[in-house]
Amino acid sequence: MFYFTYFIGLRYVFLSQDVSTVFKDDSAITYSPLGIMSLYNASTILYFQTLNLVIDPKNEMSYTMWKDVPVPFFMSVYFFNILNPTEVLAGEKPMVEQRGPYVYRKRLQKQNITFHPNATVSYLEYRSYFFEPSMSVGNESDVVTIPNMLVLGAAVMMENLPLAVRLLISATFKAFNEGPFLSKSVGELMWGYDSKLVDFLNKWFPGMLPSTGKFGLFSEFNNSNTGLFTIHTGKDDIRLIHKVNSWNSLTKLKYWNTPQCNMINGTAGQMWPPFMTKESTLPFYSPDACRSLELVYQREGIIKGIPLYRYVAPKTMFANGSDYAPNEGFCPCRQSGLLNVSSCRANAPVFISHPHFYNADPVLLDYVQGLKPTEDEHGLFIDIHPETGVPLNVSIRLQLNLYMKRVSGFTETGKISEVVMPMIWFEENGYMDGAIVKTFHTYLVLLPMVMVYMQYCFLGLGLATVLGAALLHYRGKVSSSDSGEVDKGPHCQDS
């Protein structure tokens, strides 16, 4: 259509018998092509802007942002402090109060970056956490009471062993003064505490525990990497940019029971391919969840003048196999809303869910007092710029739960009722701000908008000149015709 208009304009120009007569200047030749060219440029400028997102050291700004993520990321941790541990041991319903947040600044840095001939790049991403007292409600010295995973988790794991073995292990717990609940500081529970039992197990049963040093809920996270990612650079196909080619040299996982559940889908969870639509989904692989996850479109929005799409977790994300057949491969399952990650967590009876069992089977709320799930506080989301696939605001919220119950032979379990017990939940969030968001807004919002206005200005000038040329051409023909008739009259009379 654009080229059709362009050539129609040139046709009226060059069909004139005397171009210098029809046009007093070259404005038509100038503005018509300019109008069409600027329209073409405006429609493609965003495409060329996205080419600058290709993972390539030559793209200095985008490569630096990818390598050392400049967006501030924070991890906010909330503990479920057990208020009635003695009563829980006697079989009563647990009562919890939420403590926190305890906020940590998260630093991400990619190392061992290696580019490959097939337009992929491999890297290890290291993460470090630094406590931020000014952003926290409380201090790392605060003492909270949570279930003792070493005792209650081991009891469930070993419930099918011979009774004599269970009694022996229970005696070992007593010898090392390990009870069913822990009352320790936030810092110790997060990053590890000294345990003679852990030292004993690591010495005589190496490999039994996931960590070889201090035992803590996040002891493996700090100053560690998330595995060797190999992703597409987008050099050969921008639609593949950031998509995972392999993780730890694997193109599929081995944790789950079906090929679909073992698939490594989407990106590494930091950026996505450009040109997203409302029908697009947001797939990514999470090493911490041991599986691929997928978010779905919810609504449009704007952050600091930048248009966005919000993507959220569907209710089927952690649904069990009975409620959502494709999740059968993640089983053995319990109620919907729980993901059994024991297969990638040394067989410990650990489950992941949304905080406060948001979007989970309501029966889970009946087993624990003190939970109040809401979408605003406990739903996860990612706000993304659809034309570039760059996240503007991220909030990933997950909860860690321990399945516990009475196990004969383990006196530490007392008369504990069967329950999926919330231990902690955490939110990893980051948002684009400051100079970065201004640069982003300039190049990907203002510049295309200016080009849009310019295209109409030039196109209007071009079309006006084309119409003027056509009018002059028509008037020229009429004048020639009239002159011919005048000349013809007298000639006929002479004959």
Protein backbone atom coordinates (compact mmCIF):
# COMPACT_ATOMS: atom_id res chain seq x y z
CA MET A 1 0.00 0.00 0.00
CA PHE A 2 2.83 2.37 0.92
CA TYR A 3 4.73 1.69 -2.31
CA PHE A 4 1.51 1.98 -4.36
CA THR A 5 0.93 5.52 -3.07
CA TYR A 6 4.56 6.35 -3.73
CA PHE A 7 4.53 5.27 -7.37
CA ILE A 8 1.15 6.91 -8.07
CA GLY A 9 2.74 10.18 -6.94
CA LEU A 10 5.73 9.73 -9.24
CA ARG A 11 3.43 8.80 -12.13
CA TYR A 12 1.58 12.15 -11.93
CA VAL A 13 4.90 13.95 -11.78
CA PHE A 14 6.61 12.39 -14.75
CA LEU A 15 3.55 12.22 -17.05
CA SER A 16 3.57 16.02 -17.19
CA GLN A 17 4.57 17.32 -20.57
CA ASP A 18 6.79 19.95 -19.01
CA VAL A 19 7.95 19.19 -15.52
CA SER A 20 9.39 22.65 -15.06
CA THR A 21 5.99 24.10 -15.90
CA VAL A 22 4.00 21.87 -13.60
CA PHE A 23 6.39 22.18 -10.63
CA LYS A 24 7.97 25.41 -9.63
CA ASP A 25 10.28 23.43 -7.26
CA ASP A 26 11.09 19.82 -6.43
CA SER A 27 8.85 19.66 -3.35
CA ALA A 28 6.67 16.87 -4.70
CA ILE A 29 9.66 14.73 -5.54
CA THR A 30 11.05 15.46 -2.11
CA TYR A 31 8.08 15.11 0.20
CA SER A 32 6.25 12.20 -1.39
CA PRO A 33 9.14 9.76 -1.03
CA LEU A 34 9.96 11.22 2.38
CA GLY A 35 6.39 10.63 3.53
CA ILE A 36 6.46 7.03 2.41
CA MET A 37 10.00 6.39 3.66
CA SER A 38 9.29 7.86 7.10
CA LEU A 39 6.12 5.75 7.33
CA TYR A 40 8.19 2.69 6.54
CA ASN A 41 10.90 3.71 8.99
CA ALA A 42 8.42 4.32 11.80
CA SER A 43 6.90 0.89 11.35
CA THR A 44 10.31 -0.77 11.45
CA ILE A 45 12.27 1.35 13.93
CA LEU A 46 11.10 -0.73 16.87
CA TYR A 47 12.22 -3.86 15.07
CA PHE A 48 15.72 -2.48 14.66
CA GLN A 49 15.70 -1.34 18.26
CA THR A 50 15.02 -4.93 19.30
CA LEU A 51 17.99 -6.06 17.22
CA ASN A 52 20.09 -4.13 19.74
CA LEU A 53 18.84 -6.60 22.35
CA VAL A 54 20.80 -9.45 20.73
CA ILE A 55 23.26 -10.86 23.25
CA ASP A 56 26.47 -9.60 21.71
CA PRO A 57 29.39 -7.68 23.28
CA LYS A 58 29.11 -5.28 20.32
CA ASN A 59 25.75 -4.15 21.70
CA GLU A 60 27.51 -2.54 24.64
CA MET A 61 24.55 -1.24 26.64
CA SER A 62 22.23 -4.24 26.28
CA TYR A 63 25.09 -6.72 26.75
CA THR A 64 26.23 -5.01 29.95
CA MET A 65 22.66 -5.01 31.29
CA TRP A 66 22.37 -8.73 30.52
CA LYS A 67 25.76 -9.62 31.99
CA ASP A 68 25.49 -7.61 35.22
CA VAL A 69 21.80 -7.01 35.84
CA PRO A 70 21.61 -3.33 36.91
CA VAL A 71 18.03 -3.54 38.19
CA PRO A 72 17.95 -3.71 42.01
CA PHE A 73 16.68 -7.11 43.16
CA PHE A 74 15.58 -7.93 46.69
CA MET A 75 14.51 -11.06 48.50
CA SER A 76 11.99 -10.55 51.30
CA VAL A 77 11.64 -13.52 53.67
CA TYR A 78 8.71 -14.18 56.00
CA PHE A 79 8.81 -16.85 58.71
CA PHE A 80 5.80 -18.69 60.12
CA ASN A 81 6.54 -18.60 63.83
CA ILE A 82 4.78 -21.49 65.63
CA LEU A 83 2.95 -20.20 68.70
CA ASN A 84 1.91 -23.56 70.19
CA PRO A 85 4.64 -26.17 69.57
CA THR A 86 3.74 -28.20 72.68
CA GLU A 87 0.09 -28.40 71.64
CA VAL A 88 1.07 -29.35 68.07
CA LEU A 89 3.08 -32.24 69.45
CA ALA A 90 -0.04 -33.34 71.32
CA GLY A 91 -2.07 -33.40 68.07
CA GLU A 92 -3.65 -29.95 68.08
CA LYS A 93 -3.85 -27.63 65.09
CA PRO A 94 -0.74 -25.46 64.58
CA MET A 95 -1.11 -21.72 65.20
CA VAL A 96 1.32 -19.46 63.36
CA GLU A 97 2.13 -15.79 63.13
CA GLN A 98 3.96 -14.26 60.22
CA ARG A 99 7.28 -12.60 61.07
CA GLY A 100 9.12 -10.30 58.73
CA PRO A 101 9.91 -9.27 56.15
CA TYR A 102 13.63 -9.83 56.49
CA VAL A 103 14.94 -8.16 53.35
CA TYR A 104 18.11 -9.06 51.47
CA ARG A 105 19.60 -7.23 48.54
CA LYS A 106 20.36 -9.73 45.79
CA ARG A 107 23.35 -9.34 43.52
CA LEU A 108 23.48 -11.26 40.24
CA GLN A 109 26.58 -11.64 38.10
CA LYS A 110 27.24 -13.86 35.10
CA GLN A 111 30.62 -15.53 34.82
CA ASN A 112 32.34 -18.06 32.54
CA ILE A 113 30.52 -16.52 29.55
CA THR A 114 31.22 -18.56 26.41
CA PHE A 115 29.76 -17.89 22.96
CA HIS A 116 29.17 -20.81 20.59
CA PRO A 117 28.98 -21.00 16.75
CA ASN A 118 25.29 -22.03 16.83
CA ALA A 119 24.21 -18.59 18.13
CA THR A 120 24.06 -19.66 21.78
CA VAL A 121 25.95 -18.54 24.86
CA SER A 122 26.73 -20.41 28.08
CA TYR A 123 27.22 -18.88 31.50
CA LEU A 124 27.12 -19.43 35.24
CA GLU A 125 25.10 -16.86 37.17
CA TYR A 126 26.23 -16.28 40.74
CA ARG A 127 23.96 -14.82 43.39
CA SER A 128 24.87 -13.15 46.65
CA TYR A 129 22.59 -11.83 49.41
CA PHE A 130 23.17 -8.88 51.75
CA PHE A 131 20.89 -8.07 54.66
CA GLU A 132 19.14 -4.68 54.51
CA PRO A 133 18.14 -3.67 58.08
CA SER A 134 16.48 -0.42 56.95
CA MET A 135 14.05 -2.32 54.71
CA SER A 136 13.35 -5.10 57.20
CA VAL A 137 10.83 -5.49 60.00
CA GLY A 138 13.12 -6.98 62.59
CA ASN A 139 16.70 -8.14 62.63
CA GLU A 140 18.55 -11.35 61.81
CA SER A 141 18.97 -11.86 65.54
CA ASP A 142 15.19 -12.34 65.99
CA VAL A 143 14.33 -15.82 67.28
CA VAL A 144 11.54 -17.81 65.64
CA THR A 145 10.24 -21.35 66.08
CA ILE A 146 9.76 -23.61 63.06
CA PRO A 147 9.67 -27.41 62.49
CA ASN A 148 13.01 -29.20 62.63
CA MET A 149 13.42 -30.54 59.11
CA LEU A 150 16.23 -32.87 60.16
CA VAL A 151 13.93 -34.69 62.60
CA LEU A 152 10.38 -34.43 61.26
CA GLY A 153 11.49 -34.72 57.64
CA ALA A 154 13.66 -37.74 58.35
CA ALA A 155 10.81 -39.43 60.25
CA VAL A 156 8.54 -39.27 57.17
CA MET A 157 11.35 -40.37 54.86
CA MET A 158 12.10 -43.42 57.00
CA GLU A 159 8.61 -44.48 58.07
CA ASN A 160 8.84 -47.68 55.99
CA LEU A 161 12.11 -48.85 57.50
CA PRO A 162 12.06 -51.67 60.08
CA LEU A 163 10.90 -50.57 63.54
CA ALA A 164 14.29 -51.38 65.07
CA VAL A 165 16.00 -49.02 62.64
CA ARG A 166 13.50 -46.26 63.36
CA LEU A 167 14.03 -46.63 67.09
CA LEU A 168 17.78 -46.46 66.60
CA ILE A 169 17.53 -43.28 64.55
CA SER A 170 15.21 -41.76 67.14
CA ALA A 171 17.76 -42.55 69.84
CA THR A 172 20.41 -40.83 67.71
CA PHE A 173 18.26 -37.69 67.59
CA LYS A 174 18.03 -37.71 71.35
CA ALA A 175 21.77 -38.21 71.73
CA PHE A 176 22.37 -35.02 69.76
CA ASN A 177 19.57 -33.08 71.51
CA GLU A 178 17.55 -32.72 68.31
CA GLY A 179 13.85 -32.16 68.97
CA PRO A 180 10.82 -31.75 66.69
CA PHE A 181 10.99 -27.93 66.67
CA LEU A 182 13.78 -25.37 66.38
CA SER A 183 13.96 -21.99 68.10
CA LYS A 184 16.84 -20.16 66.49
CA SER A 185 17.71 -16.77 65.08
CA VAL A 186 16.63 -15.75 61.61
CA GLY A 187 20.24 -15.54 60.49
CA GLU A 188 20.98 -19.09 61.66
CA LEU A 189 17.85 -20.53 60.04
CA MET A 190 18.61 -18.72 56.80
CA TRP A 191 22.33 -19.28 56.33
CA GLY A 192 23.11 -22.20 58.58
CA TYR A 193 23.81 -23.19 62.16
CA ASP A 194 26.23 -25.60 63.76
CA SER A 195 24.74 -29.03 64.40
CA LYS A 196 26.58 -32.01 65.82
CA LEU A 197 24.02 -34.25 64.16
CA VAL A 198 24.82 -32.75 60.76
CA ASP A 199 28.55 -33.19 61.40
CA PHE A 200 27.93 -36.82 62.42
CA LEU A 201 25.85 -37.61 59.32
CA ASN A 202 28.30 -35.94 56.95
CA LYS A 203 31.16 -37.91 58.48
CA TRP A 204 29.59 -41.37 58.57
CA PHE A 205 26.95 -41.06 55.84
CA PRO A 206 28.44 -38.70 53.22
CA GLY A 207 25.96 -37.53 50.60
CA MET A 208 22.92 -38.13 52.81
CA LEU A 209 22.38 -34.40 53.33
CA PRO A 210 22.30 -31.82 50.53
CA SER A 211 24.90 -29.64 52.28
CA THR A 212 28.23 -30.56 53.82
CA GLY A 213 28.62 -27.54 56.12
CA LYS A 214 26.16 -25.73 58.31
CA PHE A 215 22.49 -26.63 57.89
CA GLY A 216 20.20 -23.75 56.86
CA LEU A 217 17.20 -23.16 54.64
CA PHE A 218 19.17 -20.95 52.23
CA SER A 219 22.70 -22.12 52.97
CA GLU A 220 23.07 -23.44 49.40
CA PHE A 221 21.85 -20.22 47.82
CA ASN A 222 24.32 -17.62 49.01
CA ASN A 223 27.46 -17.19 46.89
CA SER A 224 26.33 -20.00 44.62
CA ASN A 225 25.29 -20.36 40.99
CA THR A 226 22.05 -21.65 39.47
CA GLY A 227 23.73 -24.13 37.13
CA LEU A 228 25.22 -23.88 33.65
CA PHE A 229 22.69 -22.22 31.36
CA THR A 230 23.08 -22.24 27.57
CA ILE A 231 20.65 -19.84 25.90
CA HIS A 232 20.03 -18.47 22.41
CA THR A 233 21.60 -15.08 21.67
CA GLY A 234 18.96 -14.08 19.10
CA LYS A 235 21.64 -13.49 16.46
CA ASP A 236 20.15 -15.95 13.97
CA ASP A 237 16.53 -15.49 15.02
CA ILE A 238 15.38 -12.70 17.36
CA ARG A 239 12.34 -14.82 18.25
CA LEU A 240 14.65 -17.29 20.04
CA ILE A 241 16.55 -14.75 22.11
CA HIS A 242 17.01 -15.78 25.77
CA LYS A 243 15.34 -19.17 25.24
CA VAL A 244 17.12 -22.00 27.06
CA ASN A 245 19.02 -24.42 24.84
CA SER A 246 20.25 -26.55 27.75
CA TRP A 247 20.79 -26.48 31.51
CA ASN A 248 23.78 -28.28 32.99
CA SER A 249 24.16 -29.82 29.51
CA LEU A 250 20.65 -31.29 29.77
CA THR A 251 17.90 -30.60 27.26
CA LYS A 252 15.36 -32.35 29.49
CA LEU A 253 15.12 -33.10 33.21
CA LYS A 254 15.14 -36.41 35.04
CA TYR A 255 13.15 -35.49 38.14
CA TRP A 256 9.62 -36.17 36.93
CA ASN A 257 7.49 -38.99 35.54
CA THR A 258 6.46 -37.77 32.06
CA PRO A 259 8.37 -36.28 29.12
CA GLN A 260 6.16 -33.17 29.23
CA CYS A 261 6.94 -32.45 32.88
CA ASN A 262 10.65 -33.00 32.24
CA MET A 263 10.78 -30.42 29.44
CA ILE A 264 13.00 -27.36 29.84
CA ASN A 265 10.83 -24.61 28.39
CA GLY A 266 11.16 -20.90 27.83
CA THR A 267 13.91 -18.63 29.05
CA ALA A 268 16.06 -18.45 32.18
CA GLY A 269 13.48 -16.12 33.73
CA GLN A 270 15.16 -12.74 33.24
CA MET A 271 14.14 -11.67 29.72
CA TRP A 272 11.89 -12.98 26.96
CA PRO A 273 11.72 -12.70 23.15
CA PRO A 274 10.19 -9.48 21.76
CA PHE A 275 6.87 -8.85 20.03
CA MET A 276 4.62 -10.45 22.62
CA THR A 277 0.84 -10.49 22.29
CA LYS A 278 -1.97 -11.01 24.76
CA GLU A 279 -2.12 -14.62 23.58
CA SER A 280 1.57 -15.13 24.40
CA THR A 281 2.59 -16.94 27.58
CA LEU A 282 5.68 -16.41 29.72
CA PRO A 283 7.50 -19.77 30.07
CA PHE A 284 10.76 -20.06 32.02
CA TYR A 285 12.86 -22.72 33.70
CA SER A 286 13.42 -22.41 37.46
CA PRO A 287 16.27 -24.49 38.94
CA ASP A 288 14.95 -23.74 42.44
CA ALA A 289 11.52 -25.18 41.59
CA CYS A 290 13.19 -27.99 39.60
CA ARG A 291 10.78 -27.48 36.68
CA SER A 292 9.56 -25.16 33.97
CA LEU A 293 6.84 -22.68 34.90
CA GLU A 294 4.51 -20.69 32.67
CA LEU A 295 2.66 -17.44 33.35
CA VAL A 296 -0.39 -16.20 31.44
CA TYR A 297 -1.58 -12.75 30.39
CA GLN A 298 -3.84 -10.92 32.87
CA ARG A 299 -4.09 -7.24 31.88
CA GLU A 300 -2.46 -4.16 30.36
CA GLY A 301 -0.83 -1.42 32.40
CA ILE A 302 1.65 1.48 32.39
CA ILE A 303 4.76 2.10 34.50
CA LYS A 304 6.34 5.55 34.25
CA GLY A 305 4.93 6.06 30.76
CA ILE A 306 6.00 2.63 29.49
CA PRO A 307 3.21 0.27 28.36
CA LEU A 308 3.26 -3.22 29.85
CA TYR A 309 1.50 -6.56 29.98
CA ARG A 310 1.03 -8.23 33.35
CA TYR A 311 1.50 -12.00 33.46
CA VAL A 312 0.43 -14.10 36.45
CA ALA A 313 0.47 -17.73 37.56
CA PRO A 314 -2.56 -19.72 36.37
CA LYS A 315 -4.49 -21.76 38.94
CA THR A 316 -3.24 -24.89 37.21
CA MET A 317 0.43 -24.16 37.95
CA PHE A 318 0.51 -26.25 41.14
CA ALA A 319 -2.72 -28.18 40.61
CA ASN A 320 -2.54 -31.92 41.25
CA GLY A 321 -2.94 -34.56 38.56
CA SER A 322 -6.59 -35.15 39.41
CA ASP A 323 -7.57 -31.51 38.84
CA TYR A 324 -5.21 -30.95 35.89
CA ALA A 325 -4.11 -34.03 33.97
CA PRO A 326 -0.85 -32.59 32.48
CA ASN A 327 0.49 -32.25 36.06
CA GLU A 328 0.19 -35.98 36.71
CA GLY A 329 3.88 -36.28 35.95
CA PHE A 330 4.73 -34.16 39.01
CA CYS A 331 3.06 -36.63 41.35
CA PRO A 332 2.88 -38.26 43.88
CA CYS A 333 0.60 -35.35 44.70
CA ARG A 334 -1.41 -34.13 47.61
CA GLN A 335 -3.98 -31.33 47.46
CA SER A 336 -3.99 -28.92 44.54
CA GLY A 337 -1.75 -25.94 45.15
CA LEU A 338 1.23 -28.04 46.28
CA LEU A 339 4.24 -29.06 44.22
CA ASN A 340 6.10 -32.08 45.57
CA VAL A 341 9.81 -31.32 45.09
CA SER A 342 11.12 -34.27 47.08
CA SER A 343 12.52 -35.83 43.90
CA CYS A 344 15.03 -32.97 43.57
CA ARG A 345 15.52 -32.28 47.28
CA ALA A 346 17.17 -35.49 48.51
CA ASN A 347 13.69 -37.10 48.93
CA ALA A 348 12.82 -34.74 51.80
CA PRO A 349 9.01 -34.32 52.15
CA VAL A 350 9.13 -30.71 50.97
CA PHE A 351 6.39 -28.95 49.01
CA ILE A 352 6.32 -25.61 47.20
CA SER A 353 3.17 -23.49 47.03
CA HIS A 354 2.02 -19.92 46.72
CA PRO A 355 2.28 -17.99 50.03
CA HIS A 356 -0.46 -18.67 52.56
CA PHE A 357 -1.72 -21.42 50.21
CA TYR A 358 -3.07 -18.82 47.80
CA ASN A 359 -4.84 -20.51 44.84
CA ALA A 360 -4.62 -23.86 46.67
CA ASP A 361 -7.25 -26.31 47.89
CA PRO A 362 -9.10 -24.49 50.72
CA VAL A 363 -8.80 -27.57 52.92
CA LEU A 364 -5.14 -26.70 53.47
CA LEU A 365 -6.21 -23.60 55.36
CA ASP A 366 -8.25 -25.75 57.76
CA TYR A 367 -5.13 -27.51 59.03
CA VAL A 368 -3.23 -24.37 60.10
CA GLN A 369 -4.45 -21.26 61.93
CA GLY A 370 -3.13 -17.82 61.03
CA LEU A 371 -3.12 -17.92 57.21
CA LYS A 372 -4.90 -15.24 55.15
CA PRO A 373 -4.19 -15.54 51.42
CA THR A 374 -4.83 -12.58 49.09
CA GLU A 375 -3.88 -11.99 45.46
CA ASP A 376 -2.29 -8.58 46.12
CA GLU A 377 0.03 -9.87 48.83
CA HIS A 378 0.63 -13.47 47.75
CA GLY A 379 0.10 -13.77 43.99
CA LEU A 380 3.19 -13.72 41.77
CA PHE A 381 3.43 -11.59 38.61
CA ILE A 382 5.77 -10.22 35.98
CA ASP A 383 5.15 -6.88 34.23
CA ILE A 384 6.80 -6.93 30.82
CA HIS A 385 7.27 -4.54 27.91
CA PRO A 386 5.63 -6.59 25.14
CA GLU A 387 7.58 -5.15 22.19
CA THR A 388 10.99 -6.01 23.66
CA GLY A 389 10.33 -8.79 26.19
CA VAL A 390 12.11 -6.80 28.91
CA PRO A 391 10.61 -7.10 32.44
CA LEU A 392 9.79 -3.80 34.12
CA ASN A 393 8.50 -5.11 37.46
CA VAL A 394 8.90 -8.62 38.86
CA SER A 395 7.49 -10.25 41.98
CA ILE A 396 8.04 -14.01 42.37
CA ARG A 397 6.46 -15.30 45.58
CA LEU A 398 6.79 -18.89 46.77
CA GLN A 399 6.31 -20.77 50.03
CA LEU A 400 8.30 -23.67 51.48
CA ASN A 401 6.28 -26.31 53.35
CA LEU A 402 7.15 -29.47 55.26
CA TYR A 403 4.88 -32.50 55.28
CA MET A 404 4.87 -33.90 58.81
CA LYS A 405 2.93 -36.49 60.79
CA ARG A 406 3.21 -39.02 63.60
CA VAL A 407 5.55 -41.87 62.71
CA SER A 408 5.77 -44.89 64.99
CA GLY A 409 9.24 -45.51 66.34
CA PHE A 410 10.04 -41.79 66.33
CA THR A 411 8.97 -40.49 69.71
CA GLU A 412 9.94 -37.00 68.54
CA THR A 413 6.82 -36.93 66.38
CA GLY A 414 4.55 -37.43 69.42
CA LYS A 415 0.91 -37.28 68.27
CA ILE A 416 1.43 -34.73 65.51
CA SER A 417 -1.52 -34.65 63.14
CA GLU A 418 -0.86 -35.08 59.44
CA VAL A 419 -0.31 -31.60 58.03
CA VAL A 420 1.52 -29.69 55.30
CA MET A 421 3.20 -27.16 57.54
CA PRO A 422 4.20 -23.70 56.19
CA MET A 423 7.74 -22.78 57.24
CA ILE A 424 8.67 -19.66 55.30
CA TRP A 425 7.67 -17.76 52.22
CA PHE A 426 9.80 -15.42 50.19
CA GLU A 427 9.39 -12.79 47.51
CA GLU A 428 12.05 -12.02 44.95
CA ASN A 429 11.28 -8.65 43.41
CA GLY A 430 12.94 -6.15 41.16
CA TYR A 431 11.83 -3.13 39.18
CA MET A 432 13.32 -0.85 36.56
CA ASP A 433 13.99 2.64 37.93
CA GLY A 434 16.22 5.69 37.66
CA ALA A 435 18.46 6.31 34.63
CA ILE A 436 17.73 2.86 33.20
CA VAL A 437 14.00 3.42 32.92
CA LYS A 438 14.58 6.91 31.42
CA THR A 439 16.84 5.46 28.73
CA PHE A 440 14.38 2.66 28.09
CA HIS A 441 11.50 5.14 27.84
CA THR A 442 13.43 7.39 25.44
CA TYR A 443 14.51 4.73 22.96
CA LEU A 444 11.50 2.43 23.06
CA VAL A 445 8.60 4.82 23.71
CA LEU A 446 9.43 8.43 22.84
CA LEU A 447 11.54 7.79 19.73
CA PRO A 448 8.97 5.51 18.01
CA MET A 449 6.23 8.02 18.98
CA VAL A 450 8.16 10.90 17.36
CA MET A 451 8.65 8.82 14.25
CA VAL A 452 4.94 8.10 14.11
CA TYR A 453 4.16 11.83 14.16
CA MET A 454 6.88 12.55 11.61
CA GLN A 455 5.55 9.91 9.26
CA TYR A 456 2.15 11.58 9.12
CA CYS A 457 3.69 15.02 8.65
CA PHE A 458 5.84 13.91 5.73
CA LEU A 459 3.11 11.73 4.30
CA GLY A 460 0.66 14.64 4.49
CA LEU A 461 3.13 16.94 2.73
CA GLY A 462 3.84 14.28 0.13
CA LEU A 463 0.19 13.58 -0.59
CA ALA A 464 -0.63 17.31 -0.72
CA THR A 465 2.13 17.84 -3.25
CA VAL A 466 1.01 14.81 -5.26
CA LEU A 467 -2.55 16.17 -5.35
CA GLY A 468 -1.23 19.58 -6.36
CA ALA A 469 0.78 17.96 -9.14
CA ALA A 470 -2.27 16.07 -10.34
CA LEU A 471 -4.37 19.24 -10.31
CA LEU A 472 -1.77 21.22 -12.23
CA HIS A 473 -1.36 18.39 -14.69
CA TYR A 474 -5.12 18.30 -15.23
CA ARG A 475 -5.33 22.07 -15.65
CA GLY A 476 -2.47 21.90 -18.11
CA LYS A 477 -4.37 19.38 -20.23
CA VAL A 478 -7.56 21.48 -20.10
CA SER A 479 -5.65 24.59 -21.19
CA SER A 480 -4.05 22.70 -24.07
CA SER A 481 -7.44 21.36 -25.15
CA ASP A 482 -9.03 24.83 -25.08
CA SER A 483 -6.17 26.28 -27.10
CA GLY A 484 -6.58 23.56 -29.70
CA GLU A 485 -10.28 24.28 -30.15
CA VAL A 486 -9.65 28.03 -30.56
CA ASP A 487 -7.01 27.40 -33.24
CA LYS A 488 -9.23 24.90 -35.05
CA GLY A 489 -12.26 27.28 -35.49
CA PRO A 490 -10.74 29.91 -37.82
CA HIS A 491 -8.96 27.23 -39.87
CA CYS A 492 -12.26 25.58 -40.69
CA GLN A 493 -13.82 28.87 -41.80
CA ASP A 494 -11.03 29.41 -44.33
CA SER A 495 -11.71 26.07 -45.89
